Amino acid sequence: MSAALILEYGWVLLILIGLEGILAADNALVLAIMVKHLPEKERKRALFYGLAGAFIFRFGSLFAISFLINVWQVQAIGAIYLLFIALNHLVKKYVLKKDKNKLEKANRKTNRSGFWLTVLKVELADIAFAVDSILAAIALALTLPPTGLPNVGDLDGGQFAVILMGGLIGVIIMRFAATYFVKILHKRPGLETAAFLIVGWVGVKLVIFTLAHPDVAIISEEFPESTVWKLIFWSVLVLIGVGGWFLSKTTPPAPGNPETDQALENEDDMLKD
């Protein structure tokens, strides 16, 4: 494998780590609030079962998708889903002004739930989070050139490895580094918007793949692999990330929602022990 290919794969992996970090931080905080009504030992068990379920689901679904990724209907569904979650977030936050409702809903829905019902809700939340991450990771990996490694389904072995590593890193971040990313998001809240814009832009990439599929053939089959499209895609993606960092107003530490503050204080203990 050439040095240029290694650098290209490393670049995509770094982007996946950043995207996973931002998405996982918010998700981990939601999970912490979902289990906070349980006794301490049960909180830790519920989070452990939830994160174990997330790992199993990511691993299993990745193998399943790898055999279906070249089916244009699967590409279309993935594109629609990624565009939906990006637009849904932006509309709720900037049009309906409901950006804080996620934490409130998580708290309200689990206030009286027993242990196993809470575990079930955590599992379902984990699955929803995992779908977002897996689809975004696959769309990003499809930009990479083949490595010549043995295929896994319809995916090149190198592309599969990058997606798998990105998924595992997402689970690790939810367990060990969520608090660090939450603090970054509190300091530069615009990064969350940038992350969802990137998710939407990755959805656009899947739209391009769908339209270029031989069975659809609305645009040239070669266009998704062309230098022009790759330059456009990566330039826009980098501009979104840089803009999210530098255009985000730095906010000083301030007391917020007491329940959120308490979840932040206890999150390390709940996720690490």
C-alpha atoms as a PDB file:
ATOM      1  CA  MET A   1       0.000   0.000   0.000  1.00  0.00           C
ATOM      2  CA  SER A   2       1.508   3.339  -1.069  1.00  0.00           C
ATOM      3  CA  ALA A   3       2.161   6.229   1.307  1.00  0.00           C
ATOM      4  CA  ALA A   4      -0.370   8.399  -0.567  1.00  0.00           C
ATOM      5  CA  LEU A   5      -3.074   5.757  -0.108  1.00  0.00           C
ATOM      6  CA  ILE A   6      -2.272   5.421   3.597  1.00  0.00           C
ATOM      7  CA  LEU A   7      -2.503   9.207   4.019  1.00  0.00           C
ATOM      8  CA  GLU A   8      -5.859   9.308   2.211  1.00  0.00           C
ATOM      9  CA  TYR A   9      -7.284   6.535   4.383  1.00  0.00           C
ATOM     10  CA  GLY A  10      -5.842   8.180   7.502  1.00  0.00           C
ATOM     11  CA  TRP A  11      -7.474  11.500   6.547  1.00  0.00           C
ATOM     12  CA  VAL A  12     -10.901   9.887   6.217  1.00  0.00           C
ATOM     13  CA  LEU A  13     -10.420   8.079   9.537  1.00  0.00           C
ATOM     14  CA  LEU A  14      -9.584  11.389  11.269  1.00  0.00           C
ATOM     15  CA  ILE A  15     -12.764  12.945   9.859  1.00  0.00           C
ATOM     16  CA  LEU A  16     -14.761   9.961  11.082  1.00  0.00           C
ATOM     17  CA  ILE A  17     -13.239  10.276  14.566  1.00  0.00           C
ATOM     18  CA  GLY A  18     -14.200  13.974  14.748  1.00  0.00           C
ATOM     19  CA  LEU A  19     -17.709  13.320  13.452  1.00  0.00           C
ATOM     20  CA  GLU A  20     -18.197  10.329  15.763  1.00  0.00           C
ATOM     21  CA  GLY A  21     -16.909  12.383  18.690  1.00  0.00           C
ATOM     22  CA  ILE A  22     -19.366  15.225  18.196  1.00  0.00           C
ATOM     23  CA  LEU A  23     -22.344  12.929  17.590  1.00  0.00           C
ATOM     24  CA  ALA A  24     -21.393  10.480  20.349  1.00  0.00           C
ATOM     25  CA  ALA A  25     -20.896  13.222  22.942  1.00  0.00           C
ATOM     26  CA  ASP A  26     -24.477  14.432  22.683  1.00  0.00           C
ATOM     27  CA  ASN A  27     -25.746  10.861  22.517  1.00  0.00           C
ATOM     28  CA  ALA A  28     -23.782   9.782  25.598  1.00  0.00           C
ATOM     29  CA  LEU A  29     -25.232  12.671  27.588  1.00  0.00           C
ATOM     30  CA  VAL A  30     -28.743  11.613  26.571  1.00  0.00           C
ATOM     31  CA  LEU A  31     -28.020   8.036  27.692  1.00  0.00           C
ATOM     32  CA  ALA A  32     -26.663   9.279  31.018  1.00  0.00           C
ATOM     33  CA  ILE A  33     -29.881  11.194  31.648  1.00  0.00           C
ATOM     34  CA  MET A  34     -32.005   8.212  30.578  1.00  0.00           C
ATOM     35  CA  VAL A  35     -30.525   6.029  33.345  1.00  0.00           C
ATOM     36  CA  LYS A  36     -30.055   8.636  36.077  1.00  0.00           C
ATOM     37  CA  HIS A  37     -33.266   7.639  37.896  1.00  0.00           C
ATOM     38  CA  LEU A  38     -31.891   4.140  38.578  1.00  0.00           C
ATOM     39  CA  PRO A  39     -29.792   3.197  41.629  1.00  0.00           C
ATOM     40  CA  GLU A  40     -26.052   3.654  41.027  1.00  0.00           C
ATOM     41  CA  LYS A  41     -25.208  -0.026  40.402  1.00  0.00           C
ATOM     42  CA  GLU A  42     -28.155  -0.442  38.056  1.00  0.00           C
ATOM     43  CA  ARG A  43     -27.198   2.730  36.159  1.00  0.00           C
ATOM     44  CA  LYS A  44     -23.797   1.251  35.376  1.00  0.00           C
ATOM     45  CA  ARG A  45     -25.309  -2.083  34.337  1.00  0.00           C
ATOM     46  CA  ALA A  46     -27.911  -0.416  32.110  1.00  0.00           C
ATOM     47  CA  LEU A  47     -25.241   1.645  30.336  1.00  0.00           C
ATOM     48  CA  PHE A  48     -23.007  -1.409  29.983  1.00  0.00           C
ATOM     49  CA  TYR A  49     -25.797  -3.437  28.383  1.00  0.00           C
ATOM     50  CA  GLY A  50     -26.678  -0.494  26.156  1.00  0.00           C
ATOM     51  CA  LEU A  51     -23.107   0.028  24.944  1.00  0.00           C
ATOM     52  CA  ALA A  52     -22.627  -3.730  24.450  1.00  0.00           C
ATOM     53  CA  GLY A  53     -25.775  -3.760  22.346  1.00  0.00           C
ATOM     54  CA  ALA A  54     -24.482  -0.801  20.332  1.00  0.00           C
ATOM     55  CA  PHE A  55     -21.237  -2.658  19.611  1.00  0.00           C
ATOM     56  CA  ILE A  56     -23.050  -5.832  18.497  1.00  0.00           C
ATOM     57  CA  PHE A  57     -25.504  -3.890  16.350  1.00  0.00           C
ATOM     58  CA  ARG A  58     -22.768  -1.849  14.636  1.00  0.00           C
ATOM     59  CA  PHE A  59     -20.699  -4.933  13.923  1.00  0.00           C
ATOM     60  CA  GLY A  60     -23.618  -7.002  12.615  1.00  0.00           C
ATOM     61  CA  SER A  61     -25.242  -4.255  10.558  1.00  0.00           C
ATOM     62  CA  LEU A  62     -21.915  -3.317   8.963  1.00  0.00           C
ATOM     63  CA  PHE A  63     -21.516  -6.871   7.639  1.00  0.00           C
ATOM     64  CA  ALA A  64     -25.106  -6.828   6.357  1.00  0.00           C
ATOM     65  CA  ILE A  65     -24.758  -3.445   4.645  1.00  0.00           C
ATOM     66  CA  SER A  66     -21.427  -4.424   3.064  1.00  0.00           C
ATOM     67  CA  PHE A  67     -23.312  -7.010   0.974  1.00  0.00           C
ATOM     68  CA  LEU A  68     -26.037  -4.530  -0.024  1.00  0.00           C
ATOM     69  CA  ILE A  69     -24.137  -1.288  -0.534  1.00  0.00           C
ATOM     70  CA  ASN A  70     -24.203  -1.512  -4.342  1.00  0.00           C
ATOM     71  CA  VAL A  71     -27.997  -1.919  -4.423  1.00  0.00           C
ATOM     72  CA  TRP A  72     -29.260   1.470  -5.545  1.00  0.00           C
ATOM     73  CA  GLN A  73     -32.405   1.251  -3.389  1.00  0.00           C
ATOM     74  CA  VAL A  74     -30.201   0.843  -0.294  1.00  0.00           C
ATOM     75  CA  GLN A  75     -28.120   3.841  -1.366  1.00  0.00           C
ATOM     76  CA  ALA A  76     -31.298   5.888  -1.891  1.00  0.00           C
ATOM     77  CA  ILE A  77     -32.737   4.969   1.519  1.00  0.00           C
ATOM     78  CA  GLY A  78     -29.425   5.848   3.192  1.00  0.00           C
ATOM     79  CA  ALA A  79     -29.299   9.189   1.373  1.00  0.00           C
ATOM     80  CA  ILE A  80     -32.873  10.080   2.345  1.00  0.00           C
ATOM     81  CA  TYR A  81     -32.244   9.109   5.968  1.00  0.00           C
ATOM     82  CA  LEU A  82     -29.051  11.161   6.311  1.00  0.00           C
ATOM     83  CA  LEU A  83     -30.665  14.196   4.667  1.00  0.00           C
ATOM     84  CA  PHE A  84     -33.692  13.806   6.941  1.00  0.00           C
ATOM     85  CA  ILE A  85     -31.761  13.726  10.217  1.00  0.00           C
ATOM     86  CA  ALA A  86     -29.657  16.722   9.134  1.00  0.00           C
ATOM     87  CA  LEU A  87     -32.678  18.794   8.093  1.00  0.00           C
ATOM     88  CA  ASN A  88     -34.668  17.643  11.126  1.00  0.00           C
ATOM     89  CA  HIS A  89     -31.917  18.853  13.469  1.00  0.00           C
ATOM     90  CA  LEU A  90     -31.533  22.216  11.687  1.00  0.00           C
ATOM     91  CA  VAL A  91     -35.277  22.888  11.543  1.00  0.00           C
ATOM     92  CA  LYS A  92     -35.782  22.007  15.224  1.00  0.00           C
ATOM     93  CA  LYS A  93     -32.821  24.089  16.346  1.00  0.00           C
ATOM     94  CA  TYR A  94     -33.131  27.188  14.179  1.00  0.00           C
ATOM     95  CA  VAL A  95     -36.778  27.289  13.094  1.00  0.00           C
ATOM     96  CA  LEU A  96     -38.701  25.671  15.954  1.00  0.00           C
ATOM     97  CA  LYS A  97     -36.054  26.517  18.609  1.00  0.00           C
ATOM     98  CA  LYS A  98     -36.259  23.049  20.187  1.00  0.00           C
ATOM     99  CA  ASP A  99     -32.557  22.288  20.459  1.00  0.00           C
ATOM    100  CA  LYS A 100     -32.742  21.423  24.183  1.00  0.00           C
ATOM    101  CA  ASN A 101     -35.768  19.160  23.999  1.00  0.00           C
ATOM    102  CA  LYS A 102     -33.738  15.991  23.476  1.00  0.00           C
ATOM    103  CA  LEU A 103     -32.463  15.991  27.047  1.00  0.00           C
ATOM    104  CA  GLU A 104     -35.849  16.931  28.470  1.00  0.00           C
ATOM    105  CA  LYS A 105     -37.583  14.126  26.559  1.00  0.00           C
ATOM    106  CA  ALA A 106     -34.979  11.579  27.638  1.00  0.00           C
ATOM    107  CA  ASN A 107     -35.548  12.558  31.258  1.00  0.00           C
ATOM    108  CA  ARG A 108     -39.344  12.619  31.003  1.00  0.00           C
ATOM    109  CA  LYS A 109     -39.663   9.254  29.236  1.00  0.00           C
ATOM    110  CA  THR A 110     -37.553   7.331  31.752  1.00  0.00           C
ATOM    111  CA  ASN A 111     -38.564   8.882  35.070  1.00  0.00           C
ATOM    112  CA  ARG A 112     -40.639   5.867  36.178  1.00  0.00           C
ATOM    113  CA  SER A 113     -39.153   3.122  34.012  1.00  0.00           C
ATOM    114  CA  GLY A 114     -37.907  -0.052  35.685  1.00  0.00           C
ATOM    115  CA  PHE A 115     -34.446  -1.481  35.064  1.00  0.00           C
ATOM    116  CA  TRP A 116     -35.163  -3.705  32.044  1.00  0.00           C
ATOM    117  CA  LEU A 117     -37.487  -1.184  30.420  1.00  0.00           C
ATOM    118  CA  THR A 118     -34.741   1.422  30.794  1.00  0.00           C
ATOM    119  CA  VAL A 119     -32.218  -1.011  29.271  1.00  0.00           C
ATOM    120  CA  LEU A 120     -34.582  -1.528  26.328  1.00  0.00           C
ATOM    121  CA  LYS A 121     -34.904   2.225  25.809  1.00  0.00           C
ATOM    122  CA  VAL A 122     -31.137   2.653  25.998  1.00  0.00           C
ATOM    123  CA  GLU A 123     -30.701  -0.150  23.438  1.00  0.00           C
ATOM    124  CA  LEU A 124     -33.191   1.490  21.054  1.00  0.00           C
ATOM    125  CA  ALA A 125     -31.463   4.851  21.461  1.00  0.00           C
ATOM    126  CA  ASP A 126     -28.089   3.204  20.786  1.00  0.00           C
ATOM    127  CA  ILE A 127     -29.431   1.615  17.609  1.00  0.00           C
ATOM    128  CA  ALA A 128     -30.753   4.973  16.368  1.00  0.00           C
ATOM    129  CA  PHE A 129     -27.359   6.588  17.065  1.00  0.00           C
ATOM    130  CA  ALA A 130     -25.512   3.719  15.377  1.00  0.00           C
ATOM    131  CA  VAL A 131     -27.553   3.950  12.160  1.00  0.00           C
ATOM    132  CA  ASP A 132     -26.576   7.606  11.745  1.00  0.00           C
ATOM    133  CA  SER A 133     -22.893   6.863  12.274  1.00  0.00           C
ATOM    134  CA  ILE A 134     -22.742   3.754  10.079  1.00  0.00           C
ATOM    135  CA  LEU A 135     -24.430   5.376   7.088  1.00  0.00           C
ATOM    136  CA  ALA A 136     -22.212   8.466   7.319  1.00  0.00           C
ATOM    137  CA  ALA A 137     -19.087   6.296   7.649  1.00  0.00           C
ATOM    138  CA  ILE A 138     -20.025   4.152   4.638  1.00  0.00           C
ATOM    139  CA  ALA A 139     -20.705   7.193   2.453  1.00  0.00           C
ATOM    140  CA  LEU A 140     -17.330   8.685   3.424  1.00  0.00           C
ATOM    141  CA  ALA A 141     -15.506   5.387   2.846  1.00  0.00           C
ATOM    142  CA  LEU A 142     -16.941   5.114  -0.650  1.00  0.00           C
ATOM    143  CA  THR A 143     -14.836   8.134  -1.606  1.00  0.00           C
ATOM    144  CA  LEU A 144     -11.670   6.090  -1.003  1.00  0.00           C
ATOM    145  CA  PRO A 145      -9.848   4.231  -3.774  1.00  0.00           C
ATOM    146  CA  PRO A 146      -9.655   0.422  -3.530  1.00  0.00           C
ATOM    147  CA  THR A 147      -6.660  -1.004  -1.693  1.00  0.00           C
ATOM    148  CA  GLY A 148      -6.573  -4.419  -3.319  1.00  0.00           C
ATOM    149  CA  LEU A 149      -7.322  -6.108  -0.002  1.00  0.00           C
ATOM    150  CA  PRO A 150      -9.894  -8.945  -0.106  1.00  0.00           C
ATOM    151  CA  ASN A 151     -13.449  -7.681  -0.387  1.00  0.00           C
ATOM    152  CA  VAL A 152     -15.991  -7.985   2.400  1.00  0.00           C
ATOM    153  CA  GLY A 153     -19.261  -8.294   0.535  1.00  0.00           C
ATOM    154  CA  ASP A 154     -19.235  -5.540  -2.073  1.00  0.00           C
ATOM    155  CA  LEU A 155     -16.849  -3.344  -0.078  1.00  0.00           C
ATOM    156  CA  ASP A 156     -13.115  -3.197  -0.591  1.00  0.00           C
ATOM    157  CA  GLY A 157     -11.277  -4.630   2.426  1.00  0.00           C
ATOM    158  CA  GLY A 158      -9.635  -1.283   3.182  1.00  0.00           C
ATOM    159  CA  GLN A 159     -12.943   0.590   3.015  1.00  0.00           C
ATOM    160  CA  PHE A 160     -14.549  -1.990   5.300  1.00  0.00           C
ATOM    161  CA  ALA A 161     -11.674  -1.641   7.797  1.00  0.00           C
ATOM    162  CA  VAL A 162     -12.052   2.162   7.934  1.00  0.00           C
ATOM    163  CA  ILE A 163     -15.809   1.899   8.517  1.00  0.00           C
ATOM    164  CA  LEU A 164     -15.317  -0.766  11.197  1.00  0.00           C
ATOM    165  CA  MET A 165     -12.650   1.315  12.965  1.00  0.00           C
ATOM    166  CA  GLY A 166     -14.882   4.395  12.819  1.00  0.00           C
ATOM    167  CA  GLY A 167     -17.769   2.452  14.384  1.00  0.00           C
ATOM    168  CA  LEU A 168     -15.597   1.018  17.153  1.00  0.00           C
ATOM    169  CA  ILE A 169     -14.147   4.453  17.857  1.00  0.00           C
ATOM    170  CA  GLY A 170     -17.696   5.805  18.181  1.00  0.00           C
ATOM    171  CA  VAL A 171     -18.494   3.252  20.905  1.00  0.00           C
ATOM    172  CA  ILE A 172     -15.159   3.972  22.643  1.00  0.00           C
ATOM    173  CA  ILE A 173     -15.871   7.715  22.598  1.00  0.00           C
ATOM    174  CA  MET A 174     -19.309   7.111  24.116  1.00  0.00           C
ATOM    175  CA  ARG A 175     -17.634   5.166  26.934  1.00  0.00           C
ATOM    176  CA  PHE A 176     -14.425   7.085  27.639  1.00  0.00           C
ATOM    177  CA  ALA A 177     -14.263  10.480  25.915  1.00  0.00           C
ATOM    178  CA  ALA A 178     -17.857  11.726  25.826  1.00  0.00           C
ATOM    179  CA  THR A 179     -17.375  14.283  28.612  1.00  0.00           C
ATOM    180  CA  TYR A 180     -14.404  15.831  26.798  1.00  0.00           C
ATOM    181  CA  PHE A 181     -16.419  16.260  23.598  1.00  0.00           C
ATOM    182  CA  VAL A 182     -19.426  17.593  25.537  1.00  0.00           C
ATOM    183  CA  LYS A 183     -17.177  20.311  26.985  1.00  0.00           C
ATOM    184  CA  ILE A 184     -15.955  21.198  23.483  1.00  0.00           C
ATOM    185  CA  LEU A 185     -19.571  21.444  22.311  1.00  0.00           C
ATOM    186  CA  HIS A 186     -20.440  23.674  25.268  1.00  0.00           C
ATOM    187  CA  LYS A 187     -17.532  25.948  24.378  1.00  0.00           C
ATOM    188  CA  ARG A 188     -18.164  25.958  20.615  1.00  0.00           C
ATOM    189  CA  PRO A 189     -21.832  25.017  20.100  1.00  0.00           C
ATOM    190  CA  GLY A 190     -21.608  25.673  16.359  1.00  0.00           C
ATOM    191  CA  LEU A 191     -19.689  22.415  15.966  1.00  0.00           C
ATOM    192  CA  GLU A 192     -22.885  20.433  16.512  1.00  0.00           C
ATOM    193  CA  THR A 193     -24.535  22.258  13.616  1.00  0.00           C
ATOM    194  CA  ALA A 194     -21.411  21.670  11.515  1.00  0.00           C
ATOM    195  CA  ALA A 195     -21.570  17.954  12.307  1.00  0.00           C
ATOM    196  CA  PHE A 196     -25.171  17.704  11.108  1.00  0.00           C
ATOM    197  CA  LEU A 197     -24.352  19.761   8.003  1.00  0.00           C
ATOM    198  CA  ILE A 198     -21.587  17.242   7.277  1.00  0.00           C
ATOM    199  CA  VAL A 199     -24.081  14.400   7.758  1.00  0.00           C
ATOM    200  CA  GLY A 200     -26.403  16.122   5.271  1.00  0.00           C
ATOM    201  CA  TRP A 201     -23.547  16.698   2.816  1.00  0.00           C
ATOM    202  CA  VAL A 202     -22.610  13.020   3.098  1.00  0.00           C
ATOM    203  CA  GLY A 203     -26.267  12.289   2.299  1.00  0.00           C
ATOM    204  CA  VAL A 204     -25.857  14.372  -0.868  1.00  0.00           C
ATOM    205  CA  LYS A 205     -22.892  12.161  -1.740  1.00  0.00           C
ATOM    206  CA  LEU A 206     -25.096   9.072  -1.461  1.00  0.00           C
ATOM    207  CA  VAL A 207     -27.628  10.812  -3.740  1.00  0.00           C
ATOM    208  CA  ILE A 208     -24.852  11.199  -6.325  1.00  0.00           C
ATOM    209  CA  PHE A 209     -23.950   7.511  -5.994  1.00  0.00           C
ATOM    210  CA  THR A 210     -27.621   6.568  -6.427  1.00  0.00           C
ATOM    211  CA  LEU A 211     -28.104   8.734  -9.516  1.00  0.00           C
ATOM    212  CA  ALA A 212     -24.914   7.317 -11.053  1.00  0.00           C
ATOM    213  CA  HIS A 213     -25.880   3.690 -10.406  1.00  0.00           C
ATOM    214  CA  PRO A 214     -26.053   1.691 -13.674  1.00  0.00           C
ATOM    215  CA  ASP A 215     -29.688   0.763 -12.996  1.00  0.00           C
ATOM    216  CA  VAL A 216     -30.621   4.444 -12.558  1.00  0.00           C
ATOM    217  CA  ALA A 217     -28.128   6.133 -14.906  1.00  0.00           C
ATOM    218  CA  ILE A 218     -29.389   9.697 -14.475  1.00  0.00           C
ATOM    219  CA  ILE A 219     -25.801  10.958 -14.340  1.00  0.00           C
ATOM    220  CA  SER A 220     -22.578   9.439 -15.606  1.00  0.00           C
ATOM    221  CA  GLU A 221     -21.429   6.310 -13.781  1.00  0.00           C
ATOM    222  CA  GLU A 222     -17.896   7.745 -13.685  1.00  0.00           C
ATOM    223  CA  PHE A 223     -18.875  11.065 -12.069  1.00  0.00           C
ATOM    224  CA  PRO A 224     -18.761   9.932  -8.368  1.00  0.00           C
ATOM    225  CA  GLU A 225     -15.156   8.798  -8.904  1.00  0.00           C
ATOM    226  CA  SER A 226     -14.118  11.854 -10.901  1.00  0.00           C
ATOM    227  CA  THR A 227     -11.507  14.301  -9.641  1.00  0.00           C
ATOM    228  CA  VAL A 228     -13.967  17.185 -10.060  1.00  0.00           C
ATOM    229  CA  TRP A 229     -16.595  15.642  -7.761  1.00  0.00           C
ATOM    230  CA  LYS A 230     -14.038  14.524  -5.191  1.00  0.00           C
ATOM    231  CA  LEU A 231     -12.563  18.036  -5.117  1.00  0.00           C
ATOM    232  CA  ILE A 232     -16.030  19.561  -4.661  1.00  0.00           C
ATOM    233  CA  PHE A 233     -17.018  17.056  -1.976  1.00  0.00           C
ATOM    234  CA  TRP A 234     -13.887  17.383   0.160  1.00  0.00           C
ATOM    235  CA  SER A 235     -13.672  21.165  -0.252  1.00  0.00           C
ATOM    236  CA  VAL A 236     -17.238  21.650   0.971  1.00  0.00           C
ATOM    237  CA  LEU A 237     -16.741  19.177   3.816  1.00  0.00           C
ATOM    238  CA  VAL A 238     -13.571  20.944   5.006  1.00  0.00           C
ATOM    239  CA  LEU A 239     -15.244  24.365   4.714  1.00  0.00           C
ATOM    240  CA  ILE A 240     -18.148  23.159   6.881  1.00  0.00           C
ATOM    241  CA  GLY A 241     -15.778  21.821   9.530  1.00  0.00           C
ATOM    242  CA  VAL A 242     -13.550  24.896   9.562  1.00  0.00           C
ATOM    243  CA  GLY A 243     -16.567  27.189   9.549  1.00  0.00           C
ATOM    244  CA  GLY A 244     -18.134  25.286  12.450  1.00  0.00           C
ATOM    245  CA  TRP A 245     -14.978  25.846  14.491  1.00  0.00           C
ATOM    246  CA  PHE A 246     -14.059  29.439  13.662  1.00  0.00           C
ATOM    247  CA  LEU A 247     -17.547  30.884  13.209  1.00  0.00           C
ATOM    248  CA  SER A 248     -18.826  29.326  16.424  1.00  0.00           C
ATOM    249  CA  LYS A 249     -18.975  31.829  19.254  1.00  0.00           C
ATOM    250  CA  THR A 250     -16.856  30.739  22.190  1.00  0.00           C
ATOM    251  CA  THR A 251     -19.150  30.580  25.187  1.00  0.00           C
ATOM    252  CA  PRO A 252     -17.805  30.934  28.756  1.00  0.00           C
ATOM    253  CA  PRO A 253     -18.715  28.293  31.320  1.00  0.00           C
ATOM    254  CA  ALA A 254     -22.125  29.077  32.734  1.00  0.00           C
ATOM    255  CA  PRO A 255     -24.688  27.251  34.806  1.00  0.00           C
ATOM    256  CA  GLY A 256     -27.233  25.579  32.559  1.00  0.00           C
ATOM    257  CA  ASN A 257     -29.959  23.093  33.054  1.00  0.00           C
ATOM    258  CA  PRO A 258     -29.355  21.558  36.519  1.00  0.00           C
ATOM    259  CA  GLU A 259     -30.145  18.065  35.239  1.00  0.00           C
ATOM    260  CA  THR A 260     -27.669  18.451  32.376  1.00  0.00           C
ATOM    261  CA  ASP A 261     -25.000  19.784  34.736  1.00  0.00           C
ATOM    262  CA  GLN A 262     -25.574  16.864  37.092  1.00  0.00           C
ATOM    263  CA  ALA A 263     -25.359  14.387  34.206  1.00  0.00           C
ATOM    264  CA  LEU A 264     -22.066  15.953  33.149  1.00  0.00           C
ATOM    265  CA  GLU A 265     -20.686  15.624  36.681  1.00  0.00           C
ATOM    266  CA  ASN A 266     -21.668  11.958  36.987  1.00  0.00           C
ATOM    267  CA  GLU A 267     -21.092  10.850  33.403  1.00  0.00           C
ATOM    268  CA  ASP A 268     -17.457   9.768  33.833  1.00  0.00           C
ATOM    269  CA  ASP A 269     -18.331   7.516  36.772  1.00  0.00           C
ATOM    270  CA  MET A 270     -21.312   5.975  35.015  1.00  0.00           C
ATOM    271  CA  LEU A 271     -19.527   5.315  31.732  1.00  0.00           C
ATOM    272  CA  LYS A 272     -16.113   4.249  32.979  1.00  0.00           C
ATOM    273  CA  ASP A 273     -16.816   2.100  36.043  1.00  0.00           C
END
